[in-house]
C-alpha atoms as a PDB file:
ATOM      1  CA  MET A   1     -15.887 -13.185 -33.333  1.00  0.00           C
ATOM      2  CA  ARG A   2     -12.488 -11.505 -33.094  1.00  0.00           C
ATOM      3  CA  PRO A   3     -12.501  -8.171 -31.226  1.00  0.00           C
ATOM      4  CA  TYR A   4     -11.571  -4.866 -32.784  1.00  0.00           C
ATOM      5  CA  SER A   5      -7.989  -4.601 -31.578  1.00  0.00           C
ATOM      6  CA  ILE A   6      -5.749  -1.589 -31.052  1.00  0.00           C
ATOM      7  CA  ALA A   7      -2.058  -1.886 -30.175  1.00  0.00           C
ATOM      8  CA  LEU A   8       0.257   0.897 -29.026  1.00  0.00           C
ATOM      9  CA  ALA A   9       3.957   0.897 -29.850  1.00  0.00           C
ATOM     10  CA  GLY A  10       6.934   3.244 -29.695  1.00  0.00           C
ATOM     11  CA  LYS A  11      10.188   3.790 -27.874  1.00  0.00           C
ATOM     12  CA  GLY A  12      10.252   3.961 -24.088  1.00  0.00           C
ATOM     13  CA  GLY A  13       9.202   7.127 -22.300  1.00  0.00           C
ATOM     14  CA  THR A  14       6.858   8.450 -24.972  1.00  0.00           C
ATOM     15  CA  GLY A  15       3.694   7.992 -22.929  1.00  0.00           C
ATOM     16  CA  LYS A  16       2.235   4.850 -24.522  1.00  0.00           C
ATOM     17  CA  THR A  17       0.693   3.634 -21.281  1.00  0.00           C
ATOM     18  CA  THR A  18      -0.950   6.976 -20.501  1.00  0.00           C
ATOM     19  CA  LEU A  19      -2.377   7.008 -24.015  1.00  0.00           C
ATOM     20  CA  ALA A  20      -3.632   3.423 -23.594  1.00  0.00           C
ATOM     21  CA  GLY A  21      -5.527   4.634 -20.534  1.00  0.00           C
ATOM     22  CA  MET A  22      -6.993   7.488 -22.562  1.00  0.00           C
ATOM     23  CA  LEU A  23      -8.170   5.012 -25.196  1.00  0.00           C
ATOM     24  CA  ILE A  24      -9.981   3.011 -22.552  1.00  0.00           C
ATOM     25  CA  LYS A  25     -11.485   6.212 -21.105  1.00  0.00           C
ATOM     26  CA  TYR A  26     -12.621   7.211 -24.609  1.00  0.00           C
ATOM     27  CA  PHE A  27     -14.331   3.927 -25.406  1.00  0.00           C
ATOM     28  CA  ILE A  28     -16.012   3.817 -22.001  1.00  0.00           C
ATOM     29  CA  TYR A  29     -17.335   7.301 -22.783  1.00  0.00           C
ATOM     30  CA  LYS A  30     -18.548   5.985 -26.143  1.00  0.00           C
ATOM     31  CA  GLU A  31     -20.111   2.980 -24.365  1.00  0.00           C
ATOM     32  CA  LYS A  32     -18.002   0.516 -26.377  1.00  0.00           C
ATOM     33  CA  THR A  33     -17.719  -1.968 -23.541  1.00  0.00           C
ATOM     34  CA  PRO A  34     -16.650  -4.401 -22.192  1.00  0.00           C
ATOM     35  CA  ILE A  35     -13.019  -3.727 -23.075  1.00  0.00           C
ATOM     36  CA  LEU A  36     -10.125  -6.129 -22.673  1.00  0.00           C
ATOM     37  CA  ALA A  37      -7.009  -4.198 -21.667  1.00  0.00           C
ATOM     38  CA  VAL A  38      -3.754  -6.104 -22.150  1.00  0.00           C
ATOM     39  CA  ASP A  39      -0.539  -4.968 -20.504  1.00  0.00           C
ATOM     40  CA  ALA A  40       2.079  -6.698 -22.664  1.00  0.00           C
ATOM     41  CA  ASP A  41       4.905  -4.622 -21.225  1.00  0.00           C
ATOM     42  CA  SER A  42       7.236  -6.623 -18.990  1.00  0.00           C
ATOM     43  CA  ASN A  43       7.541  -3.449 -16.891  1.00  0.00           C
ATOM     44  CA  ALA A  44       3.815  -3.438 -16.245  1.00  0.00           C
ATOM     45  CA  ASN A  45       2.105  -0.267 -14.999  1.00  0.00           C
ATOM     46  CA  LEU A  46      -1.106   0.025 -17.025  1.00  0.00           C
ATOM     47  CA  ASN A  47      -2.974  -0.954 -13.853  1.00  0.00           C
ATOM     48  CA  ASP A  48      -1.706   2.243 -12.190  1.00  0.00           C
ATOM     49  CA  VAL A  49      -3.054   4.340 -15.055  1.00  0.00           C
ATOM     50  CA  LEU A  50      -6.399   2.527 -14.748  1.00  0.00           C
ATOM     51  CA  GLY A  51      -6.531   2.662 -10.940  1.00  0.00           C
ATOM     52  CA  VAL A  52      -6.789  -1.088 -10.317  1.00  0.00           C
ATOM     53  CA  LYS A  53      -4.655  -3.595  -8.447  1.00  0.00           C
ATOM     54  CA  THR A  54      -3.329  -6.721 -10.116  1.00  0.00           C
ATOM     55  CA  SER A  55      -3.667 -10.112  -8.466  1.00  0.00           C
ATOM     56  CA  GLY A  56      -1.139 -11.940 -10.630  1.00  0.00           C
ATOM     57  CA  THR A  57       0.444 -12.028 -14.049  1.00  0.00           C
ATOM     58  CA  LEU A  58       1.058 -14.561 -16.785  1.00  0.00           C
ATOM     59  CA  GLY A  59       4.725 -14.390 -15.799  1.00  0.00           C
ATOM     60  CA  ASP A  60       3.795 -15.375 -12.239  1.00  0.00           C
ATOM     61  CA  ALA A  61       1.792 -18.309 -13.557  1.00  0.00           C
ATOM     62  CA  ARG A  62       4.720 -19.490 -15.650  1.00  0.00           C
ATOM     63  CA  GLU A  63       7.111 -19.231 -12.713  1.00  0.00           C
ATOM     64  CA  SER A  64       4.754 -21.269 -10.519  1.00  0.00           C
ATOM     65  CA  MET A  65       4.710 -24.045 -13.089  1.00  0.00           C
ATOM     66  CA  LYS A  66       8.491 -23.978 -13.509  1.00  0.00           C
ATOM     67  CA  LYS A  67       8.941 -24.277  -9.744  1.00  0.00           C
ATOM     68  CA  GLY A  68       6.836 -27.426  -9.657  1.00  0.00           C
ATOM     69  CA  GLU A  69       3.924 -25.887  -7.797  1.00  0.00           C
ATOM     70  CA  VAL A  70       1.340 -27.821  -9.808  1.00  0.00           C
ATOM     71  CA  PRO A  71      -0.870 -29.708  -7.300  1.00  0.00           C
ATOM     72  CA  SER A  72      -0.806 -33.490  -7.379  1.00  0.00           C
ATOM     73  CA  GLY A  73      -3.432 -34.882  -9.722  1.00  0.00           C
ATOM     74  CA  MET A  74      -3.705 -31.653 -11.769  1.00  0.00           C
ATOM     75  CA  THR A  75      -2.282 -31.382 -15.276  1.00  0.00           C
ATOM     76  CA  LYS A  76      -0.032 -28.473 -16.185  1.00  0.00           C
ATOM     77  CA  ASP A  77      -2.574 -27.236 -18.749  1.00  0.00           C
ATOM     78  CA  VAL A  78      -5.363 -27.127 -16.167  1.00  0.00           C
ATOM     79  CA  PHE A  79      -3.055 -25.487 -13.622  1.00  0.00           C
ATOM     80  CA  MET A  80      -1.957 -22.819 -16.102  1.00  0.00           C
ATOM     81  CA  SER A  81      -5.535 -22.160 -17.166  1.00  0.00           C
ATOM     82  CA  MET A  82      -6.555 -21.696 -13.535  1.00  0.00           C
ATOM     83  CA  LYS A  83      -3.636 -19.375 -12.755  1.00  0.00           C
ATOM     84  CA  MET A  84      -4.245 -17.270 -15.839  1.00  0.00           C
ATOM     85  CA  GLN A  85      -7.940 -16.912 -15.052  1.00  0.00           C
ATOM     86  CA  GLU A  86      -6.924 -15.693 -11.619  1.00  0.00           C
ATOM     87  CA  SER A  87      -4.718 -13.040 -13.206  1.00  0.00           C
ATOM     88  CA  VAL A  88      -7.630 -11.293 -14.944  1.00  0.00           C
ATOM     89  CA  VAL A  89      -8.652  -8.100 -13.120  1.00  0.00           C
ATOM     90  CA  GLU A  90     -12.370  -7.551 -13.654  1.00  0.00           C
ATOM     91  CA  THR A  91     -14.271  -4.255 -13.494  1.00  0.00           C
ATOM     92  CA  SER A  92     -17.704  -3.200 -14.727  1.00  0.00           C
ATOM     93  CA  LYS A  93     -16.376  -1.543 -17.901  1.00  0.00           C
ATOM     94  CA  PHE A  94     -13.056  -3.246 -18.640  1.00  0.00           C
ATOM     95  CA  ASP A  95     -10.970  -6.242 -17.672  1.00  0.00           C
ATOM     96  CA  LEU A  96      -7.180  -6.207 -17.451  1.00  0.00           C
ATOM     97  CA  ILE A  97      -4.701  -8.994 -18.123  1.00  0.00           C
ATOM     98  CA  VAL A  98      -1.018  -8.429 -17.326  1.00  0.00           C
ATOM     99  CA  MET A  99       1.785 -10.253 -19.048  1.00  0.00           C
ATOM    100  CA  GLY A 100       4.377  -9.654 -16.332  1.00  0.00           C
ATOM    101  CA  ARG A 101       8.076 -10.373 -16.225  1.00  0.00           C
ATOM    102  CA  PRO A 102      10.035 -11.965 -19.068  1.00  0.00           C
ATOM    103  CA  GLU A 103      11.828 -15.278 -18.685  1.00  0.00           C
ATOM    104  CA  GLY A 104      15.321 -13.826 -18.582  1.00  0.00           C
ATOM    105  CA  ALA A 105      18.484 -14.047 -20.629  1.00  0.00           C
ATOM    106  CA  GLY A 106      18.704 -16.774 -23.225  1.00  0.00           C
ATOM    107  CA  CYS A 107      14.969 -17.505 -23.385  1.00  0.00           C
ATOM    108  CA  TYR A 108      12.618 -16.627 -26.206  1.00  0.00           C
ATOM    109  CA  CYS A 109       9.960 -15.602 -23.724  1.00  0.00           C
ATOM    110  CA  ALA A 110       7.450 -18.384 -23.188  1.00  0.00           C
ATOM    111  CA  ALA A 111       5.321 -15.780 -21.401  1.00  0.00           C
ATOM    112  CA  ASN A 112       4.533 -14.295 -24.816  1.00  0.00           C
ATOM    113  CA  THR A 113       3.353 -17.689 -26.047  1.00  0.00           C
ATOM    114  CA  LEU A 114       1.202 -18.090 -22.942  1.00  0.00           C
ATOM    115  CA  LEU A 115      -0.225 -14.626 -23.454  1.00  0.00           C
ATOM    116  CA  THR A 116      -1.044 -15.289 -27.103  1.00  0.00           C
ATOM    117  CA  ASN A 117      -2.674 -18.665 -26.452  1.00  0.00           C
ATOM    118  CA  PHE A 118      -4.667 -17.321 -23.517  1.00  0.00           C
ATOM    119  CA  LEU A 119      -5.811 -14.264 -25.450  1.00  0.00           C
ATOM    120  CA  ASP A 120      -6.980 -16.462 -28.323  1.00  0.00           C
ATOM    121  CA  LYS A 121      -9.420 -18.105 -25.908  1.00  0.00           C
ATOM    122  CA  LEU A 122     -10.289 -14.972 -23.947  1.00  0.00           C
ATOM    123  CA  THR A 123     -10.903 -12.369 -26.614  1.00  0.00           C
ATOM    124  CA  ASP A 124     -14.178 -13.790 -27.935  1.00  0.00           C
ATOM    125  CA  ASN A 125     -15.823 -12.301 -24.854  1.00  0.00           C
ATOM    126  CA  TYR A 126     -14.948  -8.709 -25.785  1.00  0.00           C
ATOM    127  CA  PRO A 127     -15.840  -6.450 -28.725  1.00  0.00           C
ATOM    128  CA  LEU A 128     -12.718  -4.358 -28.147  1.00  0.00           C
ATOM    129  CA  MET A 129      -9.117  -5.078 -27.101  1.00  0.00           C
ATOM    130  CA  ILE A 130      -6.434  -2.492 -26.316  1.00  0.00           C
ATOM    131  CA  MET A 131      -2.848  -3.700 -25.933  1.00  0.00           C
ATOM    132  CA  ASP A 132      -0.072  -1.632 -24.354  1.00  0.00           C
ATOM    133  CA  ASN A 133       3.239  -3.033 -25.604  1.00  0.00           C
ATOM    134  CA  GLU A 134       6.780  -2.891 -24.333  1.00  0.00           C
ATOM    135  CA  ALA A 135       9.155  -0.264 -25.690  1.00  0.00           C
ATOM    136  CA  GLY A 136      10.886  -0.994 -28.960  1.00  0.00           C
ATOM    137  CA  MET A 137      10.210  -3.856 -31.351  1.00  0.00           C
ATOM    138  CA  GLU A 138      10.587  -7.104 -29.400  1.00  0.00           C
ATOM    139  CA  HIS A 139       6.851  -7.609 -28.970  1.00  0.00           C
ATOM    140  CA  ILE A 140       6.462  -7.533 -32.745  1.00  0.00           C
ATOM    141  CA  SER A 141       9.419  -9.777 -33.543  1.00  0.00           C
ATOM    142  CA  ARG A 142       7.990 -12.318 -31.069  1.00  0.00           C
ATOM    143  CA  LEU A 143       4.555 -11.910 -32.661  1.00  0.00           C
ATOM    144  CA  THR A 144       2.850 -10.976 -29.396  1.00  0.00           C
ATOM    145  CA  THR A 145       1.143  -8.247 -31.394  1.00  0.00           C
ATOM    146  CA  ARG A 146      -0.702  -9.888 -34.269  1.00  0.00           C
ATOM    147  CA  ASN A 147      -3.955  -9.472 -36.126  1.00  0.00           C
ATOM    148  CA  VAL A 148      -4.393  -5.893 -34.973  1.00  0.00           C
ATOM    149  CA  ASP A 149      -6.875  -3.603 -36.660  1.00  0.00           C
ATOM    150  CA  VAL A 150      -4.966  -0.447 -35.701  1.00  0.00           C
ATOM    151  CA  MET A 151      -1.438   0.149 -34.512  1.00  0.00           C
ATOM    152  CA  ILE A 152      -0.949   3.518 -32.856  1.00  0.00           C
ATOM    153  CA  LEU A 153       2.668   4.622 -33.027  1.00  0.00           C
ATOM    154  CA  VAL A 154       3.460   6.959 -30.147  1.00  0.00           C
ATOM    155  CA  SER A 155       6.431   9.315 -30.237  1.00  0.00           C
ATOM    156  CA  ASP A 156       7.700  12.423 -28.577  1.00  0.00           C
ATOM    157  CA  GLY A 157       8.744  15.334 -30.762  1.00  0.00           C
ATOM    158  CA  SER A 158      12.295  14.088 -31.279  1.00  0.00           C
ATOM    159  CA  VAL A 159      13.803  12.705 -34.458  1.00  0.00           C
ATOM    160  CA  ARG A 160      14.927   9.635 -32.527  1.00  0.00           C
ATOM    161  CA  GLY A 161      11.433   8.950 -31.239  1.00  0.00           C
ATOM    162  CA  VAL A 162       9.805   9.323 -34.649  1.00  0.00           C
ATOM    163  CA  THR A 163      12.515   7.243 -36.324  1.00  0.00           C
ATOM    164  CA  ALA A 164      11.888   4.448 -33.798  1.00  0.00           C
ATOM    165  CA  ALA A 165       8.167   4.590 -34.575  1.00  0.00           C
ATOM    166  CA  VAL A 166       8.876   4.390 -38.305  1.00  0.00           C
ATOM    167  CA  ARG A 167      11.086   1.325 -37.818  1.00  0.00           C
ATOM    168  CA  ILE A 168       8.416  -0.399 -35.725  1.00  0.00           C
ATOM    169  CA  ASN A 169       5.885   0.240 -38.454  1.00  0.00           C
ATOM    170  CA  GLU A 170       8.225  -1.153 -41.107  1.00  0.00           C
ATOM    171  CA  LEU A 171       8.912  -4.269 -39.063  1.00  0.00           C
ATOM    172  CA  ALA A 172       5.216  -4.863 -38.472  1.00  0.00           C
ATOM    173  CA  LYS A 173       4.577  -4.705 -42.207  1.00  0.00           C
ATOM    174  CA  SER A 174       7.446  -7.057 -43.029  1.00  0.00           C
ATOM    175  CA  LEU A 175       6.227  -9.685 -40.552  1.00  0.00           C
ATOM    176  CA  HIS A 176       2.741  -9.810 -42.096  1.00  0.00           C
ATOM    177  CA  ILE A 177       1.051  -9.808 -38.697  1.00  0.00           C
ATOM    178  CA  GLY A 178      -2.316  -8.798 -40.080  1.00  0.00           C
ATOM    179  CA  MET A 179      -2.084  -5.102 -39.257  1.00  0.00           C
ATOM    180  CA  GLY A 180      -5.046  -3.209 -40.649  1.00  0.00           C
ATOM    181  CA  LYS A 181      -3.723   0.356 -40.488  1.00  0.00           C
ATOM    182  CA  SER A 182      -1.342   2.478 -38.491  1.00  0.00           C
ATOM    183  CA  PHE A 183      -0.935   6.120 -37.602  1.00  0.00           C
ATOM    184  CA  ILE A 184       1.401   8.182 -35.480  1.00  0.00           C
ATOM    185  CA  ILE A 185       0.655  10.522 -32.589  1.00  0.00           C
ATOM    186  CA  ILE A 186       3.221  13.023 -31.319  1.00  0.00           C
ATOM    187  CA  ASN A 187       2.891  13.196 -27.542  1.00  0.00           C
ATOM    188  CA  ARG A 188       3.949  15.895 -25.059  1.00  0.00           C
ATOM    189  CA  SER A 189       4.182  18.516 -27.766  1.00  0.00           C
ATOM    190  CA  ILE A 190       4.365  22.223 -27.013  1.00  0.00           C
ATOM    191  CA  ASN A 191       4.021  23.812 -30.445  1.00  0.00           C
ATOM    192  CA  GLY A 192       3.376  20.764 -32.584  1.00  0.00           C
ATOM    193  CA  PRO A 193       5.928  18.740 -34.580  1.00  0.00           C
ATOM    194  CA  SER A 194       8.657  20.467 -36.561  1.00  0.00           C
ATOM    195  CA  ASP A 195       8.797  20.378 -40.354  1.00  0.00           C
ATOM    196  CA  ALA A 196      11.687  17.906 -40.114  1.00  0.00           C
ATOM    197  CA  ILE A 197       9.531  15.528 -38.066  1.00  0.00           C
ATOM    198  CA  LEU A 198       6.577  15.858 -40.423  1.00  0.00           C
ATOM    199  CA  ASN A 199       8.846  15.143 -43.395  1.00  0.00           C
ATOM    200  CA  ILE A 200      10.125  11.928 -41.777  1.00  0.00           C
ATOM    201  CA  ILE A 201       6.538  10.802 -41.205  1.00  0.00           C
ATOM    202  CA  LYS A 202       5.499  11.747 -44.746  1.00  0.00           C
ATOM    203  CA  ASP A 203       8.490  10.016 -46.351  1.00  0.00           C
ATOM    204  CA  ALA A 204       7.657   6.850 -44.385  1.00  0.00           C
ATOM    205  CA  GLY A 205       4.124   6.880 -45.733  1.00  0.00           C
ATOM    206  CA  ILE A 206       2.563   6.906 -42.265  1.00  0.00           C
ATOM    207  CA  THR A 207      -0.573   8.851 -41.425  1.00  0.00           C
ATOM    208  CA  TYR A 208       0.059  11.702 -39.009  1.00  0.00           C
ATOM    209  CA  ALA A 209      -2.960  11.747 -36.695  1.00  0.00           C
ATOM    210  CA  GLY A 210      -2.039  14.794 -34.616  1.00  0.00           C
ATOM    211  CA  HIS A 211      -0.211  15.885 -31.496  1.00  0.00           C
ATOM    212  CA  LEU A 212      -1.065  15.944 -27.808  1.00  0.00           C
ATOM    213  CA  PRO A 213      -0.074  18.772 -25.486  1.00  0.00           C
ATOM    214  CA  ALA A 214       2.393  18.523 -22.632  1.00  0.00           C
ATOM    215  CA  ASP A 215       0.136  18.574 -19.597  1.00  0.00           C
ATOM    216  CA  ASP A 216       1.123  19.384 -16.025  1.00  0.00           C
ATOM    217  CA  ASN A 217      -1.938  17.584 -14.688  1.00  0.00           C
ATOM    218  CA  ILE A 218      -0.670  14.254 -15.978  1.00  0.00           C
ATOM    219  CA  TYR A 219       2.652  14.829 -14.233  1.00  0.00           C
ATOM    220  CA  GLU A 220       0.849  15.726 -11.003  1.00  0.00           C
ATOM    221  CA  TYR A 221      -1.396  12.676 -11.196  1.00  0.00           C
ATOM    222  CA  ASP A 222       1.628  10.443 -11.730  1.00  0.00           C
ATOM    223  CA  MET A 223       3.539  12.023  -8.847  1.00  0.00           C
ATOM    224  CA  ASP A 224       0.541  11.650  -6.517  1.00  0.00           C
ATOM    225  CA  GLY A 225      -0.181   8.073  -7.596  1.00  0.00           C
ATOM    226  CA  LYS A 226      -3.548   8.993  -9.079  1.00  0.00           C
ATOM    227  CA  ALA A 227      -5.041   7.084 -12.002  1.00  0.00           C
ATOM    228  CA  THR A 228      -4.781   9.276 -15.097  1.00  0.00           C
ATOM    229  CA  ILE A 229      -7.906   7.620 -16.520  1.00  0.00           C
ATOM    230  CA  ASN A 230      -9.726   9.827 -13.992  1.00  0.00           C
ATOM    231  CA  LEU A 231      -8.522  13.099 -15.510  1.00  0.00           C
ATOM    232  CA  PRO A 232     -11.518  15.432 -15.934  1.00  0.00           C
ATOM    233  CA  MET A 233     -13.210  15.579 -19.313  1.00  0.00           C
ATOM    234  CA  ASP A 234     -12.361  19.275 -19.731  1.00  0.00           C
ATOM    235  CA  ASN A 235      -8.620  18.565 -19.425  1.00  0.00           C
ATOM    236  CA  SER A 236      -6.744  19.732 -22.555  1.00  0.00           C
ATOM    237  CA  PHE A 237      -4.928  16.408 -22.993  1.00  0.00           C
ATOM    238  CA  VAL A 238      -8.153  14.412 -22.708  1.00  0.00           C
ATOM    239  CA  GLN A 239      -9.917  16.657 -25.208  1.00  0.00           C
ATOM    240  CA  ALA A 240      -7.052  16.483 -27.713  1.00  0.00           C
ATOM    241  CA  ALA A 241      -6.810  12.704 -27.399  1.00  0.00           C
ATOM    242  CA  PHE A 242     -10.563  12.225 -27.810  1.00  0.00           C
ATOM    243  CA  ASP A 243     -10.514  14.427 -30.909  1.00  0.00           C
ATOM    244  CA  ILE A 244      -7.787  12.275 -32.521  1.00  0.00           C
ATOM    245  CA  PHE A 245      -9.540   9.034 -31.586  1.00  0.00           C
ATOM    246  CA  SER A 246     -12.877  10.197 -32.993  1.00  0.00           C
ATOM    247  CA  LYS A 247     -11.263  10.997 -36.347  1.00  0.00           C
ATOM    248  CA  HIS A 248      -9.103   7.889 -36.763  1.00  0.00           C
ATOM    249  CA  LEU A 249     -10.811   5.029 -34.903  1.00  0.00           C
ATOM    250  CA  ASN A 250     -14.069   3.385 -35.887  1.00  0.00           C
ATOM    251  CA  PRO A 251     -14.605   0.028 -34.157  1.00  0.00           C
END
């Protein structure tokens, strides 16, 4: 049975990874576990938000194979399967798989293919999957993000950020990746989105789910290297995020 899947997308610096951590915190609170967390950002840091250490990535596994590190007598498929299993970080409530570095210039990112194939085999073990994607639209054009029940578009309160989210949504629709629904969240907002921002969202036909406050505690946690998933339940950001999730997500 395919898991209920949620993907996060938006331009860089909008707080997608922090929000991915809040999603995992929310579903742990709701006892919707085990959760498969997927860090599909080549600049991986979801593990920092979740307070766990990674032991390897799919990119590392690919590089090992390319360097000829497959032991004698072992097929490449078996070697890759072993390396990818080793890259899964397991906890009592969620497991984390990290995509890792891209292949480099001129390549169409075999790491994405590895990730997709591995996830196809792995996801049957989880009722819920949350995927934190790289900034922009490359993950969608490469079809890393496919068959998602919900795409959460994350933006700051700028026209550029919201416009990027709108374009990602349009691309996802045009690629027919099996997206169930999408909505947009405005992050790090002081007084809520402006009328101009709301009009862009309305004209694009995207559901506006709400806004999240700028929060000094998140900044302090990041500066101190603390996992933001451990923010207290009475924190204003946590409460606002949980309120949005409860209204718009129903796995």
